[in-house]
Amino acid sequence: MDTTTIERAPARLELNGPAPDFEASTTMGPVRLSEWAKDKWVILFSHPADFTPVCTTEFIEFAKRFDEFEQKGVALLGCSVDSIYSHIAWARNIEDKFGVKIKFPIVADIDMKVSRLYGMIHESSSSTATVRCVFFIDPRRVLRAMIYYPMNVGRNFDEIVRVIDALQMADANKVACPANWTRGKDVIVPAPTTMEEAELRAANTEYEICDWYFARKKAA
């Protein structure tokens, strides 16, 4: 029986737009995105197939970093077009062969409703498997960032953590994060938007000022 309910897919997913809602069966019971993991960020990610080597390395890495994500207030939610039984068997196999327990739910998306809602199916790559997508969804269920990887290239988990750190830093302190920013490095102060603000900025001694529009400060 199909237990997946889903809203109409948007014309396209947009950054700072709403994360499409869905309810689906997972390895930890039914999940409705809008109600699940309240007050937490969500990383929704897809993998091409269970029992495949690159996907296995990624699940091991997600599992190893589970506590780190928890400390950052981030819930993990996997998804592929495999069945719930395949997901359970694969998770048990990973624990048995690699000694790593999968503590996050995995959506069983046999009918591809969730995968198509989030644009995880790229026909030029495969019509029956998802590419490697990562969606960063904030506690208000707003889509804040997206990363796509091809089927034959595993994800960079340091970058996934960096994006979460940067988004949380920017939200908490009303700043921006420069290229290659990592936690602890200086952040960018938003540029002035009036002549008066530009003049005040030039005289500000709290910032490292390169020019009126470009200023850094220590991360909070």
C-alpha atoms as a PDB file:
ATOM      1  CA  MET A   1       0.000   0.000   0.000  1.00  0.00           C
ATOM      2  CA  ASP A   2       1.287   3.431  -0.920  1.00  0.00           C
ATOM      3  CA  THR A   3       1.629   5.480   2.282  1.00  0.00           C
ATOM      4  CA  THR A   4       3.311   8.472   0.669  1.00  0.00           C
ATOM      5  CA  THR A   5       1.426  11.772   0.578  1.00  0.00           C
ATOM      6  CA  ILE A   6       2.955  14.705  -1.138  1.00  0.00           C
ATOM      7  CA  GLU A   7       2.235  18.255  -2.206  1.00  0.00           C
ATOM      8  CA  ARG A   8       2.319  19.471  -5.801  1.00  0.00           C
ATOM      9  CA  ALA A   9       5.854  19.926  -7.059  1.00  0.00           C
ATOM     10  CA  PRO A  10       6.937  23.542  -7.598  1.00  0.00           C
ATOM     11  CA  ALA A  11       8.027  24.632 -11.069  1.00  0.00           C
ATOM     12  CA  ARG A  12      11.551  24.538  -9.662  1.00  0.00           C
ATOM     13  CA  LEU A  13      13.201  24.477  -6.285  1.00  0.00           C
ATOM     14  CA  GLU A  14      14.504  27.881  -5.246  1.00  0.00           C
ATOM     15  CA  LEU A  15      16.906  28.946  -2.544  1.00  0.00           C
ATOM     16  CA  ASN A  16      15.051  30.694   0.302  1.00  0.00           C
ATOM     17  CA  GLY A  17      11.805  29.209  -0.977  1.00  0.00           C
ATOM     18  CA  PRO A  18       9.674  26.673   0.909  1.00  0.00           C
ATOM     19  CA  ALA A  19      10.924  23.104   1.123  1.00  0.00           C
ATOM     20  CA  PRO A  20       8.167  20.991  -0.468  1.00  0.00           C
ATOM     21  CA  ASP A  21       6.329  18.996   2.171  1.00  0.00           C
ATOM     22  CA  PHE A  22       5.768  15.258   2.047  1.00  0.00           C
ATOM     23  CA  GLU A  23       4.872  12.314   4.251  1.00  0.00           C
ATOM     24  CA  ALA A  24       6.533   8.984   3.569  1.00  0.00           C
ATOM     25  CA  SER A  25       7.452   5.630   5.070  1.00  0.00           C
ATOM     26  CA  THR A  26      10.972   5.396   6.477  1.00  0.00           C
ATOM     27  CA  THR A  27      13.082   2.874   8.332  1.00  0.00           C
ATOM     28  CA  MET A  28      12.005   4.630  11.545  1.00  0.00           C
ATOM     29  CA  GLY A  29       8.303   4.936  10.774  1.00  0.00           C
ATOM     30  CA  PRO A  30       6.249   7.563   8.927  1.00  0.00           C
ATOM     31  CA  VAL A  31       7.835  11.004   8.549  1.00  0.00           C
ATOM     32  CA  ARG A  32       6.094  14.232   7.573  1.00  0.00           C
ATOM     33  CA  LEU A  33       8.767  16.788   6.769  1.00  0.00           C
ATOM     34  CA  SER A  34       6.828  19.805   8.039  1.00  0.00           C
ATOM     35  CA  GLU A  35       6.324  18.189  11.443  1.00  0.00           C
ATOM     36  CA  TRP A  36       9.395  15.985  11.819  1.00  0.00           C
ATOM     37  CA  ALA A  37      12.452  17.068  13.841  1.00  0.00           C
ATOM     38  CA  LYS A  38      10.765  20.226  15.098  1.00  0.00           C
ATOM     39  CA  ASP A  39      13.048  23.230  15.643  1.00  0.00           C
ATOM     40  CA  LYS A  40      15.925  21.474  13.880  1.00  0.00           C
ATOM     41  CA  TRP A  41      17.683  21.937  10.588  1.00  0.00           C
ATOM     42  CA  VAL A  42      17.251  19.019   8.182  1.00  0.00           C
ATOM     43  CA  ILE A  43      19.726  17.629   5.690  1.00  0.00           C
ATOM     44  CA  LEU A  44      17.691  15.648   3.159  1.00  0.00           C
ATOM     45  CA  PHE A  45      19.973  13.624   0.912  1.00  0.00           C
ATOM     46  CA  SER A  46      19.522  11.043  -1.820  1.00  0.00           C
ATOM     47  CA  HIS A  47      21.646   8.103  -2.903  1.00  0.00           C
ATOM     48  CA  PRO A  48      21.383   6.126  -6.158  1.00  0.00           C
ATOM     49  CA  ALA A  49      20.843   2.675  -4.638  1.00  0.00           C
ATOM     50  CA  ASP A  50      21.254   0.493  -1.575  1.00  0.00           C
ATOM     51  CA  PHE A  51      24.079  -2.060  -1.486  1.00  0.00           C
ATOM     52  CA  THR A  52      26.327  -0.018  -3.778  1.00  0.00           C
ATOM     53  CA  PRO A  53      29.929   0.802  -2.813  1.00  0.00           C
ATOM     54  CA  VAL A  54      30.072   4.607  -3.104  1.00  0.00           C
ATOM     55  CA  CYS A  55      26.713   4.985  -1.361  1.00  0.00           C
ATOM     56  CA  THR A  56      27.939   2.688   1.397  1.00  0.00           C
ATOM     57  CA  THR A  57      30.975   4.909   2.030  1.00  0.00           C
ATOM     58  CA  GLU A  58      28.669   7.930   2.244  1.00  0.00           C
ATOM     59  CA  PHE A  59      26.281   6.292   4.680  1.00  0.00           C
ATOM     60  CA  ILE A  60      29.197   5.249   6.850  1.00  0.00           C
ATOM     61  CA  GLU A  61      30.393   8.868   6.884  1.00  0.00           C
ATOM     62  CA  PHE A  62      26.940  10.268   7.667  1.00  0.00           C
ATOM     63  CA  ALA A  63      26.655   7.717  10.482  1.00  0.00           C
ATOM     64  CA  LYS A  64      30.103   8.559  11.883  1.00  0.00           C
ATOM     65  CA  ARG A  65      29.195  12.264  11.918  1.00  0.00           C
ATOM     66  CA  PHE A  66      25.686  11.727  13.302  1.00  0.00           C
ATOM     67  CA  ASP A  67      26.571  13.048  16.760  1.00  0.00           C
ATOM     68  CA  GLU A  68      28.345  16.069  15.233  1.00  0.00           C
ATOM     69  CA  PHE A  69      25.222  16.951  13.250  1.00  0.00           C
ATOM     70  CA  GLU A  70      23.073  16.416  16.348  1.00  0.00           C
ATOM     71  CA  GLN A  71      25.218  18.900  18.280  1.00  0.00           C
ATOM     72  CA  LYS A  72      24.594  21.442  15.522  1.00  0.00           C
ATOM     73  CA  GLY A  73      20.836  20.897  15.727  1.00  0.00           C
ATOM     74  CA  VAL A  74      20.713  19.058  12.393  1.00  0.00           C
ATOM     75  CA  ALA A  75      18.578  15.982  11.632  1.00  0.00           C
ATOM     76  CA  LEU A  76      19.580  13.660   8.779  1.00  0.00           C
ATOM     77  CA  LEU A  77      17.054  12.121   6.380  1.00  0.00           C
ATOM     78  CA  GLY A  78      18.145   9.762   3.603  1.00  0.00           C
ATOM     79  CA  CYS A  79      16.139   8.860   0.513  1.00  0.00           C
ATOM     80  CA  SER A  80      16.318   6.497  -2.448  1.00  0.00           C
ATOM     81  CA  VAL A  81      13.937   4.580  -4.678  1.00  0.00           C
ATOM     82  CA  ASP A  82      14.614   1.291  -2.860  1.00  0.00           C
ATOM     83  CA  SER A  83      12.055  -0.485  -0.660  1.00  0.00           C
ATOM     84  CA  ILE A  84      11.832  -0.285   3.116  1.00  0.00           C
ATOM     85  CA  TYR A  85      13.053  -3.897   3.309  1.00  0.00           C
ATOM     86  CA  SER A  86      16.104  -3.129   1.207  1.00  0.00           C
ATOM     87  CA  HIS A  87      16.902  -0.102   3.393  1.00  0.00           C
ATOM     88  CA  ILE A  88      16.629  -2.173   6.570  1.00  0.00           C
ATOM     89  CA  ALA A  89      18.783  -4.967   5.158  1.00  0.00           C
ATOM     90  CA  TRP A  90      21.433  -2.513   3.946  1.00  0.00           C
ATOM     91  CA  ALA A  91      21.567  -0.634   7.242  1.00  0.00           C
ATOM     92  CA  ARG A  92      21.964  -3.941   9.086  1.00  0.00           C
ATOM     93  CA  ASN A  93      24.674  -4.990   6.631  1.00  0.00           C
ATOM     94  CA  ILE A  94      26.603  -1.745   7.198  1.00  0.00           C
ATOM     95  CA  GLU A  95      26.481  -2.280  10.947  1.00  0.00           C
ATOM     96  CA  ASP A  96      27.565  -5.909  10.562  1.00  0.00           C
ATOM     97  CA  LYS A  97      30.380  -5.372   8.033  1.00  0.00           C
ATOM     98  CA  PHE A  98      31.655  -1.929   9.068  1.00  0.00           C
ATOM     99  CA  GLY A  99      30.635  -1.623  12.715  1.00  0.00           C
ATOM    100  CA  VAL A 100      28.656   1.579  12.121  1.00  0.00           C
ATOM    101  CA  LYS A 101      25.023   1.954  13.190  1.00  0.00           C
ATOM    102  CA  ILE A 102      22.662   3.976  10.994  1.00  0.00           C
ATOM    103  CA  LYS A 103      20.755   6.182  13.457  1.00  0.00           C
ATOM    104  CA  PHE A 104      18.795   8.292  10.955  1.00  0.00           C
ATOM    105  CA  PRO A 105      15.690   7.358   8.920  1.00  0.00           C
ATOM    106  CA  ILE A 106      15.789   6.463   5.236  1.00  0.00           C
ATOM    107  CA  VAL A 107      12.776   7.236   3.042  1.00  0.00           C
ATOM    108  CA  ALA A 108      11.481   4.330   0.947  1.00  0.00           C
ATOM    109  CA  ASP A 109      10.565   6.072  -2.314  1.00  0.00           C
ATOM    110  CA  ILE A 110       9.725   3.233  -4.711  1.00  0.00           C
ATOM    111  CA  ASP A 111       7.142   5.340  -6.553  1.00  0.00           C
ATOM    112  CA  MET A 112       9.698   8.195  -6.857  1.00  0.00           C
ATOM    113  CA  LYS A 113       7.236  10.796  -5.553  1.00  0.00           C
ATOM    114  CA  VAL A 114       9.682  12.387  -3.135  1.00  0.00           C
ATOM    115  CA  SER A 115      12.561  12.047  -5.581  1.00  0.00           C
ATOM    116  CA  ARG A 116      10.645  13.809  -8.335  1.00  0.00           C
ATOM    117  CA  LEU A 117       9.299  16.457  -5.950  1.00  0.00           C
ATOM    118  CA  TYR A 118      12.877  17.428  -5.102  1.00  0.00           C
ATOM    119  CA  GLY A 119      14.357  16.935  -8.563  1.00  0.00           C
ATOM    120  CA  MET A 120      16.523  14.001  -7.512  1.00  0.00           C
ATOM    121  CA  ILE A 121      15.860  12.090 -10.746  1.00  0.00           C
ATOM    122  CA  HIS A 122      18.022  13.397 -13.583  1.00  0.00           C
ATOM    123  CA  GLU A 123      16.964  11.574 -16.731  1.00  0.00           C
ATOM    124  CA  SER A 124      20.277  12.114 -18.491  1.00  0.00           C
ATOM    125  CA  SER A 125      21.974  10.188 -15.672  1.00  0.00           C
ATOM    126  CA  SER A 126      19.290   7.593 -14.905  1.00  0.00           C
ATOM    127  CA  SER A 127      15.527   7.319 -15.087  1.00  0.00           C
ATOM    128  CA  THR A 128      15.387   4.761 -12.281  1.00  0.00           C
ATOM    129  CA  ALA A 129      17.854   6.066  -9.675  1.00  0.00           C
ATOM    130  CA  THR A 130      18.523   9.339  -7.898  1.00  0.00           C
ATOM    131  CA  VAL A 131      21.689  11.372  -8.260  1.00  0.00           C
ATOM    132  CA  ARG A 132      23.496  12.447  -5.082  1.00  0.00           C
ATOM    133  CA  CYS A 133      21.557  15.482  -3.839  1.00  0.00           C
ATOM    134  CA  VAL A 134      21.947  17.358  -0.560  1.00  0.00           C
ATOM    135  CA  PHE A 135      19.228  19.786   0.565  1.00  0.00           C
ATOM    136  CA  PHE A 136      19.812  22.081   3.541  1.00  0.00           C
ATOM    137  CA  ILE A 137      16.466  22.945   5.139  1.00  0.00           C
ATOM    138  CA  ASP A 138      16.202  25.325   8.088  1.00  0.00           C
ATOM    139  CA  PRO A 139      13.833  24.963  11.085  1.00  0.00           C
ATOM    140  CA  ARG A 140      11.212  27.099   9.306  1.00  0.00           C
ATOM    141  CA  ARG A 141      11.345  24.537   6.483  1.00  0.00           C
ATOM    142  CA  VAL A 142      12.930  26.979   4.087  1.00  0.00           C
ATOM    143  CA  LEU A 143      15.348  25.553   1.512  1.00  0.00           C
ATOM    144  CA  ARG A 144      18.666  27.295   2.137  1.00  0.00           C
ATOM    145  CA  ALA A 145      21.232  25.449   0.006  1.00  0.00           C
ATOM    146  CA  MET A 146      21.479  22.596  -2.500  1.00  0.00           C
ATOM    147  CA  ILE A 147      24.422  20.506  -3.680  1.00  0.00           C
ATOM    148  CA  TYR A 148      24.324  17.911  -6.476  1.00  0.00           C
ATOM    149  CA  TYR A 149      26.949  15.246  -7.166  1.00  0.00           C
ATOM    150  CA  PRO A 150      27.087  12.708 -10.008  1.00  0.00           C
ATOM    151  CA  MET A 151      26.565   9.032  -9.311  1.00  0.00           C
ATOM    152  CA  ASN A 152      30.255   8.159  -9.567  1.00  0.00           C
ATOM    153  CA  VAL A 153      31.590  10.856  -7.208  1.00  0.00           C
ATOM    154  CA  GLY A 154      31.034  10.691  -3.460  1.00  0.00           C
ATOM    155  CA  ARG A 155      30.170  13.769  -1.416  1.00  0.00           C
ATOM    156  CA  ASN A 156      32.634  16.007   0.435  1.00  0.00           C
ATOM    157  CA  PHE A 157      31.427  15.832   4.027  1.00  0.00           C
ATOM    158  CA  ASP A 158      33.679  18.617   5.245  1.00  0.00           C
ATOM    159  CA  GLU A 159      31.868  20.886   2.788  1.00  0.00           C
ATOM    160  CA  ILE A 160      28.457  19.725   3.996  1.00  0.00           C
ATOM    161  CA  VAL A 161      29.431  20.581   7.576  1.00  0.00           C
ATOM    162  CA  ARG A 162      30.961  23.882   6.417  1.00  0.00           C
ATOM    163  CA  VAL A 163      27.718  24.917   4.709  1.00  0.00           C
ATOM    164  CA  ILE A 164      25.694  24.216   7.857  1.00  0.00           C
ATOM    165  CA  ASP A 165      28.205  26.149   9.979  1.00  0.00           C
ATOM    166  CA  ALA A 166      28.148  29.093   7.551  1.00  0.00           C
ATOM    167  CA  LEU A 167      24.355  29.235   7.329  1.00  0.00           C
ATOM    168  CA  GLN A 168      23.986  29.105  11.093  1.00  0.00           C
ATOM    169  CA  MET A 169      26.709  31.730  11.574  1.00  0.00           C
ATOM    170  CA  ALA A 170      25.099  34.056   9.028  1.00  0.00           C
ATOM    171  CA  ASP A 171      21.637  33.687  10.552  1.00  0.00           C
ATOM    172  CA  ALA A 172      22.759  34.169  14.136  1.00  0.00           C
ATOM    173  CA  ASN A 173      24.980  37.199  13.497  1.00  0.00           C
ATOM    174  CA  LYS A 174      23.552  38.874  10.351  1.00  0.00           C
ATOM    175  CA  VAL A 175      26.838  38.483   8.515  1.00  0.00           C
ATOM    176  CA  ALA A 176      28.128  36.728   5.397  1.00  0.00           C
ATOM    177  CA  CYS A 177      30.842  34.107   5.065  1.00  0.00           C
ATOM    178  CA  PRO A 178      33.666  34.598   2.544  1.00  0.00           C
ATOM    179  CA  ALA A 179      35.196  32.065   0.185  1.00  0.00           C
ATOM    180  CA  ASN A 180      36.674  29.024   1.947  1.00  0.00           C
ATOM    181  CA  TRP A 181      35.288  30.203   5.289  1.00  0.00           C
ATOM    182  CA  THR A 182      35.385  27.716   8.150  1.00  0.00           C
ATOM    183  CA  ARG A 183      34.287  28.040  11.766  1.00  0.00           C
ATOM    184  CA  GLY A 184      36.456  30.469  13.723  1.00  0.00           C
ATOM    185  CA  LYS A 185      37.572  32.555  10.739  1.00  0.00           C
ATOM    186  CA  ASP A 186      36.603  36.198  10.205  1.00  0.00           C
ATOM    187  CA  VAL A 187      33.237  36.950   8.638  1.00  0.00           C
ATOM    188  CA  ILE A 188      32.060  39.628   6.211  1.00  0.00           C
ATOM    189  CA  VAL A 189      29.990  42.570   7.432  1.00  0.00           C
ATOM    190  CA  PRO A 190      27.136  43.449   5.029  1.00  0.00           C
ATOM    191  CA  ALA A 191      27.947  46.434   2.823  1.00  0.00           C
ATOM    192  CA  PRO A 192      26.398  49.837   3.593  1.00  0.00           C
ATOM    193  CA  THR A 193      23.360  50.777   1.553  1.00  0.00           C
ATOM    194  CA  THR A 194      23.396  54.576   2.030  1.00  0.00           C
ATOM    195  CA  MET A 195      26.018  57.313   1.787  1.00  0.00           C
ATOM    196  CA  GLU A 196      25.664  57.997   5.504  1.00  0.00           C
ATOM    197  CA  GLU A 197      26.269  54.359   6.392  1.00  0.00           C
ATOM    198  CA  ALA A 198      29.312  54.278   4.088  1.00  0.00           C
ATOM    199  CA  GLU A 199      30.832  57.279   5.874  1.00  0.00           C
ATOM    200  CA  LEU A 200      30.207  55.727   9.281  1.00  0.00           C
ATOM    201  CA  ARG A 201      31.691  52.451   8.097  1.00  0.00           C
ATOM    202  CA  ALA A 202      34.916  54.135   7.029  1.00  0.00           C
ATOM    203  CA  ALA A 203      35.347  55.456  10.574  1.00  0.00           C
ATOM    204  CA  ASN A 204      34.481  52.182  12.350  1.00  0.00           C
ATOM    205  CA  THR A 205      37.423  50.873  14.362  1.00  0.00           C
ATOM    206  CA  GLU A 206      35.792  47.568  15.304  1.00  0.00           C
ATOM    207  CA  TYR A 207      36.124  46.144  11.793  1.00  0.00           C
ATOM    208  CA  GLU A 208      39.040  45.313   9.521  1.00  0.00           C
ATOM    209  CA  ILE A 209      38.163  47.684   6.689  1.00  0.00           C
ATOM    210  CA  CYS A 210      39.557  47.244   3.198  1.00  0.00           C
ATOM    211  CA  ASP A 211      37.166  49.788   1.682  1.00  0.00           C
ATOM    212  CA  TRP A 212      33.754  51.237   2.473  1.00  0.00           C
ATOM    213  CA  TYR A 213      31.989  48.207   0.979  1.00  0.00           C
ATOM    214  CA  PHE A 214      34.409  45.509   2.196  1.00  0.00           C
ATOM    215  CA  ALA A 215      34.865  44.917   5.927  1.00  0.00           C
ATOM    216  CA  ARG A 216      35.607  41.909   8.071  1.00  0.00           C
ATOM    217  CA  LYS A 217      35.131  41.230  11.762  1.00  0.00           C
ATOM    218  CA  LYS A 218      35.898  38.421  14.178  1.00  0.00           C
ATOM    219  CA  ALA A 219      33.351  35.639  14.251  1.00  0.00           C
ATOM    220  CA  ALA A 220      31.065  35.677  17.283  1.00  0.00           C
END
